[in-house]
Amino acid sequence: MNLSLGQYEADIFQIIDKFNSENPRDQAWRFALTRIDKRKYKIVGEVENGILMQTELEEDLKQVVEQNKETQAISHPVSHAALWSMNKLRNETG
């Protein structure tokens, strides 16, 4: 994103737009490009040393994020318990 803040702004936006138009269904790249495209950011609040910004995702990407949140909510306690038990078996703390 830093390059899009300076003299290369127009070039960076052109590259992002071209890739998005040529690969409209590639979700992995769309997530990555959204994170580097400053046009997709909005200010959502202020913090002590600056501002808090958040990306605005397209609807289909929002659905992917929500599905992953649900999956993680289910699997996180299981993963945590498995890690804890492995550490206990190895006589480690943590």
PDB file of N, CA and C in Angstrom:
ATOM      1  N   MET A   1       0.820  -1.190   0.000  1.00  0.00           N
ATOM      2  CA  MET A   1       0.000   0.000   0.000  1.00  0.00           C
ATOM      3  C   MET A   1       0.864   1.254   0.000  1.00  0.00           C
ATOM      4  N   ASN A   2       2.051   1.209   0.554  1.00  0.00           N
ATOM      5  CA  ASN A   2       2.888   2.400   0.636  1.00  0.00           C
ATOM      6  C   ASN A   2       3.180   3.016  -0.728  1.00  0.00           C
ATOM      7  N   LEU A   3       3.389   2.177  -1.747  1.00  0.00           N
ATOM      8  CA  LEU A   3       3.665   2.718  -3.076  1.00  0.00           C
ATOM      9  C   LEU A   3       2.487   3.500  -3.629  1.00  0.00           C
ATOM     10  N   SER A   4       1.267   3.142  -3.241  1.00  0.00           N
ATOM     11  CA  SER A   4       0.093   3.838  -3.761  1.00  0.00           C
ATOM     12  C   SER A   4      -0.142   5.178  -3.064  1.00  0.00           C
ATOM     13  N   LEU A   5       0.715   5.532  -2.119  1.00  0.00           N
ATOM     14  CA  LEU A   5       0.567   6.813  -1.424  1.00  0.00           C
ATOM     15  C   LEU A   5       1.389   7.921  -2.063  1.00  0.00           C
ATOM     16  N   GLY A   6       2.215   7.595  -3.021  1.00  0.00           N
ATOM     17  CA  GLY A   6       3.105   8.593  -3.594  1.00  0.00           C
ATOM     18  C   GLY A   6       2.954   8.744  -5.092  1.00  0.00           C
ATOM     19  N   GLN A   7       4.088   8.905  -5.729  1.00  0.00           N
ATOM     20  CA  GLN A   7       4.118   9.218  -7.156  1.00  0.00           C
ATOM     21  C   GLN A   7       3.616   8.080  -8.044  1.00  0.00           C
ATOM     22  N   TYR A   8       3.548   6.870  -7.507  1.00  0.00           N
ATOM     23  CA  TYR A   8       3.123   5.718  -8.304  1.00  0.00           C
ATOM     24  C   TYR A   8       1.634   5.403  -8.159  1.00  0.00           C
ATOM     25  N   GLU A   9       0.903   6.278  -7.492  1.00  0.00           N
ATOM     26  CA  GLU A   9      -0.503   6.030  -7.199  1.00  0.00           C
ATOM     27  C   GLU A   9      -1.304   5.614  -8.436  1.00  0.00           C
ATOM     28  N   ALA A  10      -1.261   6.391  -9.494  1.00  0.00           N
ATOM     29  CA  ALA A  10      -2.044   6.089 -10.698  1.00  0.00           C
ATOM     30  C   ALA A  10      -1.630   4.760 -11.314  1.00  0.00           C
ATOM     31  N   ASP A  11      -0.325   4.497 -11.340  1.00  0.00           N
ATOM     32  CA  ASP A  11       0.166   3.235 -11.904  1.00  0.00           C
ATOM     33  C   ASP A  11      -0.305   2.043 -11.081  1.00  0.00           C
ATOM     34  N   ILE A  12      -0.225   2.159  -9.765  1.00  0.00           N
ATOM     35  CA  ILE A  12      -0.645   1.074  -8.876  1.00  0.00           C
ATOM     36  C   ILE A  12      -2.135   0.799  -9.050  1.00  0.00           C
ATOM     37  N   PHE A  13      -2.950   1.851  -9.084  1.00  0.00           N
ATOM     38  CA  PHE A  13      -4.389   1.668  -9.250  1.00  0.00           C
ATOM     39  C   PHE A  13      -4.709   1.024 -10.594  1.00  0.00           C
ATOM     40  N   GLN A  14      -3.982   1.399 -11.623  1.00  0.00           N
ATOM     41  CA  GLN A  14      -4.193   0.818 -12.949  1.00  0.00           C
ATOM     42  C   GLN A  14      -3.875  -0.682 -12.939  1.00  0.00           C
ATOM     43  N   ILE A  15      -2.792  -1.059 -12.289  1.00  0.00           N
ATOM     44  CA  ILE A  15      -2.413  -2.476 -12.190  1.00  0.00           C
ATOM     45  C   ILE A  15      -3.477  -3.258 -11.420  1.00  0.00           C
ATOM     46  N   ILE A  16      -3.916  -2.706 -10.295  1.00  0.00           N
ATOM     47  CA  ILE A  16      -4.938  -3.372  -9.480  1.00  0.00           C
ATOM     48  C   ILE A  16      -6.232  -3.535 -10.274  1.00  0.00           C
ATOM     49  N   ASP A  17      -6.675  -2.469 -10.928  1.00  0.00           N
ATOM     50  CA  ASP A  17      -7.921  -2.515 -11.693  1.00  0.00           C
ATOM     51  C   ASP A  17      -7.833  -3.503 -12.851  1.00  0.00           C
ATOM     52  N   LYS A  18      -6.695  -3.532 -13.524  1.00  0.00           N
ATOM     53  CA  LYS A  18      -6.506  -4.459 -14.647  1.00  0.00           C
ATOM     54  C   LYS A  18      -6.570  -5.897 -14.150  1.00  0.00           C
ATOM     55  N   PHE A  19      -5.870  -6.183 -13.069  1.00  0.00           N
ATOM     56  CA  PHE A  19      -5.881  -7.547 -12.548  1.00  0.00           C
ATOM     57  C   PHE A  19      -7.285  -7.951 -12.119  1.00  0.00           C
ATOM     58  N   ASN A  20      -7.989  -7.056 -11.432  1.00  0.00           N
ATOM     59  CA  ASN A  20      -9.351  -7.369 -10.992  1.00  0.00           C
ATOM     60  C   ASN A  20     -10.288  -7.626 -12.167  1.00  0.00           C
ATOM     61  N   SER A  21     -10.133  -6.873 -13.246  1.00  0.00           N
ATOM     62  CA  SER A  21     -11.016  -7.079 -14.403  1.00  0.00           C
ATOM     63  C   SER A  21     -10.682  -8.365 -15.149  1.00  0.00           C
ATOM     64  N   GLU A  22      -9.423  -8.782 -15.117  1.00  0.00           N
ATOM     65  CA  GLU A  22      -9.015 -10.007 -15.806  1.00  0.00           C
ATOM     66  C   GLU A  22      -9.259 -11.255 -14.964  1.00  0.00           C
ATOM     67  N   ASN A  23      -9.361 -11.112 -13.658  1.00  0.00           N
ATOM     68  CA  ASN A  23      -9.514 -12.248 -12.741  1.00  0.00           C
ATOM     69  C   ASN A  23     -10.623 -11.987 -11.724  1.00  0.00           C
ATOM     70  N   PRO A  24     -11.843 -11.772 -12.197  1.00  0.00           N
ATOM     71  CA  PRO A  24     -12.899 -11.354 -11.264  1.00  0.00           C
ATOM     72  C   PRO A  24     -13.310 -12.409 -10.238  1.00  0.00           C
ATOM     73  N   ARG A  25     -12.940 -13.669 -10.440  1.00  0.00           N
ATOM     74  CA  ARG A  25     -13.384 -14.721  -9.524  1.00  0.00           C
ATOM     75  C   ARG A  25     -12.275 -15.249  -8.626  1.00  0.00           C
ATOM     76  N   ASP A  26     -11.087 -14.743  -8.751  1.00  0.00           N
ATOM     77  CA  ASP A  26      -9.952 -15.232  -7.962  1.00  0.00           C
ATOM     78  C   ASP A  26      -9.999 -14.596  -6.569  1.00  0.00           C
ATOM     79  N   GLN A  27     -10.644 -15.294  -5.622  1.00  0.00           N
ATOM     80  CA  GLN A  27     -10.863 -14.726  -4.293  1.00  0.00           C
ATOM     81  C   GLN A  27      -9.574 -14.433  -3.546  1.00  0.00           C
ATOM     82  N   ALA A  28      -8.591 -15.307  -3.649  1.00  0.00           N
ATOM     83  CA  ALA A  28      -7.338 -15.089  -2.915  1.00  0.00           C
ATOM     84  C   ALA A  28      -6.685 -13.780  -3.346  1.00  0.00           C
ATOM     85  N   TRP A  29      -6.628 -13.550  -4.651  1.00  0.00           N
ATOM     86  CA  TRP A  29      -6.024 -12.309  -5.127  1.00  0.00           C
ATOM     87  C   TRP A  29      -6.890 -11.107  -4.796  1.00  0.00           C
ATOM     88  N   ARG A  30      -8.204 -11.272  -4.842  1.00  0.00           N
ATOM     89  CA  ARG A  30      -9.082 -10.153  -4.508  1.00  0.00           C
ATOM     90  C   ARG A  30      -8.902  -9.739  -3.054  1.00  0.00           C
ATOM     91  N   PHE A  31      -8.741 -10.731  -2.150  1.00  0.00           N
ATOM     92  CA  PHE A  31      -8.450 -10.395  -0.752  1.00  0.00           C
ATOM     93  C   PHE A  31      -7.127  -9.643  -0.658  1.00  0.00           C
ATOM     94  N   ALA A  32      -6.104 -10.140  -1.321  1.00  0.00           N
ATOM     95  CA  ALA A  32      -4.779  -9.512  -1.260  1.00  0.00           C
ATOM     96  C   ALA A  32      -4.814  -8.104  -1.842  1.00  0.00           C
ATOM     97  N   LEU A  33      -5.446  -7.947  -2.991  1.00  0.00           N
ATOM     98  CA  LEU A  33      -5.493  -6.629  -3.628  1.00  0.00           C
ATOM     99  C   LEU A  33      -6.331  -5.643  -2.827  1.00  0.00           C
ATOM    100  N   THR A  34      -7.367  -6.127  -2.162  1.00  0.00           N
ATOM    101  CA  THR A  34      -8.177  -5.246  -1.316  1.00  0.00           C
ATOM    102  C   THR A  34      -7.338  -4.679  -0.179  1.00  0.00           C
ATOM    103  N   ARG A  35      -6.442  -5.513   0.367  1.00  0.00           N
ATOM    104  CA  ARG A  35      -5.597  -5.046   1.471  1.00  0.00           C
ATOM    105  C   ARG A  35      -4.589  -3.986   1.029  1.00  0.00           C
ATOM    106  N   ILE A  36      -4.212  -3.976  -0.249  1.00  0.00           N
ATOM    107  CA  ILE A  36      -3.218  -2.988  -0.691  1.00  0.00           C
ATOM    108  C   ILE A  36      -3.837  -1.817  -1.444  1.00  0.00           C
ATOM    109  N   ASP A  37      -5.136  -1.852  -1.682  1.00  0.00           N
ATOM    110  CA  ASP A  37      -5.805  -0.790  -2.438  1.00  0.00           C
ATOM    111  C   ASP A  37      -6.376   0.238  -1.464  1.00  0.00           C
ATOM    112  N   LYS A  38      -5.720   1.379  -1.371  1.00  0.00           N
ATOM    113  CA  LYS A  38      -6.150   2.377  -0.388  1.00  0.00           C
ATOM    114  C   LYS A  38      -7.543   2.916  -0.677  1.00  0.00           C
ATOM    115  N   ARG A  39      -8.024   2.759  -1.890  1.00  0.00           N
ATOM    116  CA  ARG A  39      -9.377   3.213  -2.220  1.00  0.00           C
ATOM    117  C   ARG A  39     -10.436   2.376  -1.509  1.00  0.00           C
ATOM    118  N   LYS A  40     -10.063   1.195  -1.045  1.00  0.00           N
ATOM    119  CA  LYS A  40     -11.005   0.294  -0.371  1.00  0.00           C
ATOM    120  C   LYS A  40     -11.045   0.527   1.138  1.00  0.00           C
ATOM    121  N   TYR A  41     -10.229   1.428   1.646  1.00  0.00           N
ATOM    122  CA  TYR A  41     -10.174   1.683   3.085  1.00  0.00           C
ATOM    123  C   TYR A  41     -11.112   2.813   3.471  1.00  0.00           C
ATOM    124  N   LYS A  42     -11.675   2.692   4.673  1.00  0.00           N
ATOM    125  CA  LYS A  42     -12.458   3.792   5.232  1.00  0.00           C
ATOM    126  C   LYS A  42     -12.031   3.987   6.680  1.00  0.00           C
ATOM    127  N   ILE A  43     -12.120   5.200   7.136  1.00  0.00           N
ATOM    128  CA  ILE A  43     -11.778   5.519   8.521  1.00  0.00           C
ATOM    129  C   ILE A  43     -12.964   5.123   9.394  1.00  0.00           C
ATOM    130  N   VAL A  44     -12.684   4.308  10.418  1.00  0.00           N
ATOM    131  CA  VAL A  44     -13.764   3.833  11.290  1.00  0.00           C
ATOM    132  C   VAL A  44     -13.624   4.335  12.725  1.00  0.00           C
ATOM    133  N   GLY A  45     -12.552   5.044  13.010  1.00  0.00           N
ATOM    134  CA  GLY A  45     -12.387   5.557  14.360  1.00  0.00           C
ATOM    135  C   GLY A  45     -11.040   6.206  14.562  1.00  0.00           C
ATOM    136  N   GLU A  46     -10.880   6.738  15.744  1.00  0.00           N
ATOM    137  CA  GLU A  46      -9.613   7.358  16.117  1.00  0.00           C
ATOM    138  C   GLU A  46      -9.018   6.588  17.284  1.00  0.00           C
ATOM    139  N   VAL A  47      -7.697   6.513  17.291  1.00  0.00           N
ATOM    140  CA  VAL A  47      -6.961   5.901  18.390  1.00  0.00           C
ATOM    141  C   VAL A  47      -5.969   6.921  18.907  1.00  0.00           C
ATOM    142  N   GLU A  48      -5.297   6.587  19.975  1.00  0.00           N
ATOM    143  CA  GLU A  48      -4.401   7.537  20.631  1.00  0.00           C
ATOM    144  C   GLU A  48      -3.371   8.149  19.680  1.00  0.00           C
ATOM    145  N   ASN A  49      -2.769   7.330  18.838  1.00  0.00           N
ATOM    146  CA  ASN A  49      -1.690   7.822  17.978  1.00  0.00           C
ATOM    147  C   ASN A  49      -2.068   7.943  16.510  1.00  0.00           C
ATOM    148  N   GLY A  50      -3.350   7.983  16.190  1.00  0.00           N
ATOM    149  CA  GLY A  50      -3.724   8.087  14.786  1.00  0.00           C
ATOM    150  C   GLY A  50      -5.172   7.722  14.545  1.00  0.00           C
ATOM    151  N   ILE A  51      -5.401   7.110  13.391  1.00  0.00           N
ATOM    152  CA  ILE A  51      -6.754   6.733  13.011  1.00  0.00           C
ATOM    153  C   ILE A  51      -6.831   5.225  12.783  1.00  0.00           C
ATOM    154  N   LEU A  52      -8.025   4.692  12.906  1.00  0.00           N
ATOM    155  CA  LEU A  52      -8.275   3.277  12.681  1.00  0.00           C
ATOM    156  C   LEU A  52      -8.985   3.146  11.342  1.00  0.00           C
ATOM    157  N   MET A  53      -8.388   2.348  10.448  1.00  0.00           N
ATOM    158  CA  MET A  53      -8.952   2.167   9.113  1.00  0.00           C
ATOM    159  C   MET A  53      -9.341   0.709   8.917  1.00  0.00           C
ATOM    160  N   GLN A  54     -10.338   0.497   8.061  1.00  0.00           N
ATOM    161  CA  GLN A  54     -10.831  -0.844   7.786  1.00  0.00           C
ATOM    162  C   GLN A  54     -11.121  -0.942   6.293  1.00  0.00           C
ATOM    163  N   THR A  55     -10.863  -2.127   5.728  1.00  0.00           N
ATOM    164  CA  THR A  55     -11.161  -2.315   4.312  1.00  0.00           C
ATOM    165  C   THR A  55     -12.641  -2.594   4.124  1.00  0.00           C
ATOM    166  N   GLU A  56     -13.154  -2.136   3.011  1.00  0.00           N
ATOM    167  CA  GLU A  56     -14.538  -2.396   2.645  1.00  0.00           C
ATOM    168  C   GLU A  56     -14.531  -3.549   1.648  1.00  0.00           C
ATOM    169  N   LEU A  57     -14.998  -4.712   2.092  1.00  0.00           N
ATOM    170  CA  LEU A  57     -15.003  -5.902   1.245  1.00  0.00           C
ATOM    171  C   LEU A  57     -16.271  -5.971   0.407  1.00  0.00           C
ATOM    172  N   GLU A  58     -16.153  -6.607  -0.753  1.00  0.00           N
ATOM    173  CA  GLU A  58     -17.322  -6.872  -1.577  1.00  0.00           C
ATOM    174  C   GLU A  58     -18.143  -7.969  -0.894  1.00  0.00           C
ATOM    175  N   GLU A  59     -19.428  -8.060  -1.237  1.00  0.00           N
ATOM    176  CA  GLU A  59     -20.349  -8.964  -0.537  1.00  0.00           C
ATOM    177  C   GLU A  59     -19.884 -10.412  -0.517  1.00  0.00           C
ATOM    178  N   ASP A  60     -19.410 -10.934  -1.656  1.00  0.00           N
ATOM    179  CA  ASP A  60     -19.012 -12.344  -1.678  1.00  0.00           C
ATOM    180  C   ASP A  60     -17.799 -12.589  -0.788  1.00  0.00           C
ATOM    181  N   LEU A  61     -16.905 -11.606  -0.690  1.00  0.00           N
ATOM    182  CA  LEU A  61     -15.746 -11.751   0.189  1.00  0.00           C
ATOM    183  C   LEU A  61     -16.162 -11.646   1.655  1.00  0.00           C
ATOM    184  N   LYS A  62     -17.157 -10.801   1.941  1.00  0.00           N
ATOM    185  CA  LYS A  62     -17.684 -10.710   3.306  1.00  0.00           C
ATOM    186  C   LYS A  62     -18.266 -12.054   3.740  1.00  0.00           C
ATOM    187  N   GLN A  63     -18.945 -12.736   2.818  1.00  0.00           N
ATOM    188  CA  GLN A  63     -19.522 -14.042   3.136  1.00  0.00           C
ATOM    189  C   GLN A  63     -18.434 -15.058   3.456  1.00  0.00           C
ATOM    190  N   VAL A  64     -17.329 -15.015   2.709  1.00  0.00           N
ATOM    191  CA  VAL A  64     -16.205 -15.921   2.970  1.00  0.00           C
ATOM    192  C   VAL A  64     -15.646 -15.664   4.367  1.00  0.00           C
ATOM    193  N   VAL A  65     -15.486 -14.396   4.719  1.00  0.00           N
ATOM    194  CA  VAL A  65     -14.969 -14.032   6.041  1.00  0.00           C
ATOM    195  C   VAL A  65     -15.904 -14.546   7.134  1.00  0.00           C
ATOM    196  N   GLU A  66     -17.201 -14.354   6.960  1.00  0.00           N
ATOM    197  CA  GLU A  66     -18.167 -14.807   7.967  1.00  0.00           C
ATOM    198  C   GLU A  66     -18.154 -16.329   8.109  1.00  0.00           C
ATOM    199  N   GLN A  67     -18.063 -17.038   6.990  1.00  0.00           N
ATOM    200  CA  GLN A  67     -17.993 -18.505   7.047  1.00  0.00           C
ATOM    201  C   GLN A  67     -16.739 -18.950   7.792  1.00  0.00           C
ATOM    202  N   ASN A  68     -15.619 -18.283   7.532  1.00  0.00           N
ATOM    203  CA  ASN A  68     -14.371 -18.630   8.217  1.00  0.00           C
ATOM    204  C   ASN A  68     -14.445 -18.321   9.705  1.00  0.00           C
ATOM    205  N   LYS A  69     -15.127 -17.242  10.072  1.00  0.00           N
ATOM    206  CA  LYS A  69     -15.302 -16.922  11.494  1.00  0.00           C
ATOM    207  C   LYS A  69     -16.053 -18.040  12.202  1.00  0.00           C
ATOM    208  N   GLU A  70     -17.105 -18.536  11.555  1.00  0.00           N
ATOM    209  CA  GLU A  70     -17.895 -19.615  12.149  1.00  0.00           C
ATOM    210  C   GLU A  70     -17.052 -20.876  12.312  1.00  0.00           C
ATOM    211  N   THR A  71     -16.288 -21.214  11.283  1.00  0.00           N
ATOM    212  CA  THR A  71     -15.429 -22.400  11.331  1.00  0.00           C
ATOM    213  C   THR A  71     -14.391 -22.264  12.430  1.00  0.00           C
ATOM    214  N   GLN A  72     -13.775 -21.083  12.531  1.00  0.00           N
ATOM    215  CA  GLN A  72     -12.761 -20.858  13.561  1.00  0.00           C
ATOM    216  C   GLN A  72     -13.363 -20.891  14.957  1.00  0.00           C
ATOM    217  N   ALA A  73     -14.565 -20.377  15.102  1.00  0.00           N
ATOM    218  CA  ALA A  73     -15.211 -20.389  16.417  1.00  0.00           C
ATOM    219  C   ALA A  73     -15.437 -21.818  16.897  1.00  0.00           C
ATOM    220  N   ILE A  74     -15.707 -22.710  15.952  1.00  0.00           N
ATOM    221  CA  ILE A  74     -15.918 -24.117  16.302  1.00  0.00           C
ATOM    222  C   ILE A  74     -14.589 -24.812  16.568  1.00  0.00           C
ATOM    223  N   SER A  75     -13.600 -24.560  15.712  1.00  0.00           N
ATOM    224  CA  SER A  75     -12.341 -25.308  15.809  1.00  0.00           C
ATOM    225  C   SER A  75     -11.355 -24.732  16.824  1.00  0.00           C
ATOM    226  N   HIS A  76     -11.481 -23.468  17.180  1.00  0.00           N
ATOM    227  CA  HIS A  76     -10.512 -22.856  18.092  1.00  0.00           C
ATOM    228  C   HIS A  76     -10.435 -23.564  19.446  1.00  0.00           C
ATOM    229  N   PRO A  77     -11.549 -23.828  20.111  1.00  0.00           N
ATOM    230  CA  PRO A  77     -11.438 -24.526  21.409  1.00  0.00           C
ATOM    231  C   PRO A  77     -10.797 -25.909  21.282  1.00  0.00           C
ATOM    232  N   VAL A  78     -11.096 -26.602  20.189  1.00  0.00           N
ATOM    233  CA  VAL A  78     -10.514 -27.928  19.980  1.00  0.00           C
ATOM    234  C   VAL A  78      -9.007 -27.806  19.769  1.00  0.00           C
ATOM    235  N   SER A  79      -8.585 -26.851  18.947  1.00  0.00           N
ATOM    236  CA  SER A  79      -7.155 -26.639  18.705  1.00  0.00           C
ATOM    237  C   SER A  79      -6.433 -26.252  19.988  1.00  0.00           C
ATOM    238  N   HIS A  80      -7.057 -25.380  20.765  1.00  0.00           N
ATOM    239  CA  HIS A  80      -6.456 -24.940  22.024  1.00  0.00           C
ATOM    240  C   HIS A  80      -6.288 -26.123  22.984  1.00  0.00           C
ATOM    241  N   ALA A  81      -7.313 -26.960  23.070  1.00  0.00           N
ATOM    242  CA  ALA A  81      -7.244 -28.130  23.955  1.00  0.00           C
ATOM    243  C   ALA A  81      -6.175 -29.113  23.482  1.00  0.00           C
ATOM    244  N   ALA A  82      -6.063 -29.299  22.169  1.00  0.00           N
ATOM    245  CA  ALA A  82      -5.049 -30.212  21.628  1.00  0.00           C
ATOM    246  C   ALA A  82      -3.649 -29.690  21.918  1.00  0.00           C
ATOM    247  N   LEU A  83      -3.428 -28.399  21.734  1.00  0.00           N
ATOM    248  CA  LEU A  83      -2.124 -27.803  22.017  1.00  0.00           C
ATOM    249  C   LEU A  83      -1.788 -27.920  23.504  1.00  0.00           C
ATOM    250  N   TRP A  84      -2.765 -27.638  24.364  1.00  0.00           N
ATOM    251  CA  TRP A  84      -2.551 -27.743  25.805  1.00  0.00           C
ATOM    252  C   TRP A  84      -2.162 -29.170  26.185  1.00  0.00           C
ATOM    253  N   SER A  85      -2.897 -30.149  25.634  1.00  0.00           N
ATOM    254  CA  SER A  85      -2.604 -31.541  26.000  1.00  0.00           C
ATOM    255  C   SER A  85      -1.239 -31.989  25.485  1.00  0.00           C
ATOM    256  N   MET A  86      -0.843 -31.538  24.295  1.00  0.00           N
ATOM    257  CA  MET A  86       0.488 -31.883  23.774  1.00  0.00           C
ATOM    258  C   MET A  86       1.578 -31.276  24.653  1.00  0.00           C
ATOM    259  N   ASN A  87       1.380 -30.042  25.087  1.00  0.00           N
ATOM    260  CA  ASN A  87       2.354 -29.410  25.981  1.00  0.00           C
ATOM    261  C   ASN A  87       2.443 -30.153  27.309  1.00  0.00           C
ATOM    262  N   LYS A  88       1.311 -30.599  27.828  1.00  0.00           N
ATOM    263  CA  LYS A  88       1.319 -31.365  29.077  1.00  0.00           C
ATOM    264  C   LYS A  88       2.062 -32.682  28.898  1.00  0.00           C
ATOM    265  N   LEU A  89       1.842 -33.347  27.777  1.00  0.00           N
ATOM    266  CA  LEU A  89       2.538 -34.607  27.511  1.00  0.00           C
ATOM    267  C   LEU A  89       4.050 -34.405  27.411  1.00  0.00           C
ATOM    268  N   ARG A  90       4.454 -33.257  26.878  1.00  0.00           N
ATOM    269  CA  ARG A  90       5.885 -32.954  26.747  1.00  0.00           C
ATOM    270  C   ARG A  90       6.444 -32.314  28.014  1.00  0.00           C
ATOM    271  N   ASN A  91       5.582 -32.119  28.994  1.00  0.00           N
ATOM    272  CA  ASN A  91       5.976 -31.498  30.253  1.00  0.00           C
ATOM    273  C   ASN A  91       6.405 -30.042  30.058  1.00  0.00           C
ATOM    274  N   GLU A  92       5.716 -29.342  29.142  1.00  0.00           N
ATOM    275  CA  GLU A  92       5.999 -27.935  28.874  1.00  0.00           C
ATOM    276  C   GLU A  92       4.885 -27.098  29.480  1.00  0.00           C
ATOM    277  N   THR A  93       5.178 -25.834  29.698  1.00  0.00           N
ATOM    278  CA  THR A  93       4.145 -24.931  30.201  1.00  0.00           C
ATOM    279  C   THR A  93       3.718 -24.017  29.073  1.00  0.00           C
ATOM    280  N   GLY A  94       2.564 -23.433  29.185  1.00  0.00           N
ATOM    281  CA  GLY A  94       2.131 -22.500  28.170  1.00  0.00           C
ATOM    282  C   GLY A  94       0.682 -22.445  27.948  1.00  0.00           C
TER     283      GLY A  94
END
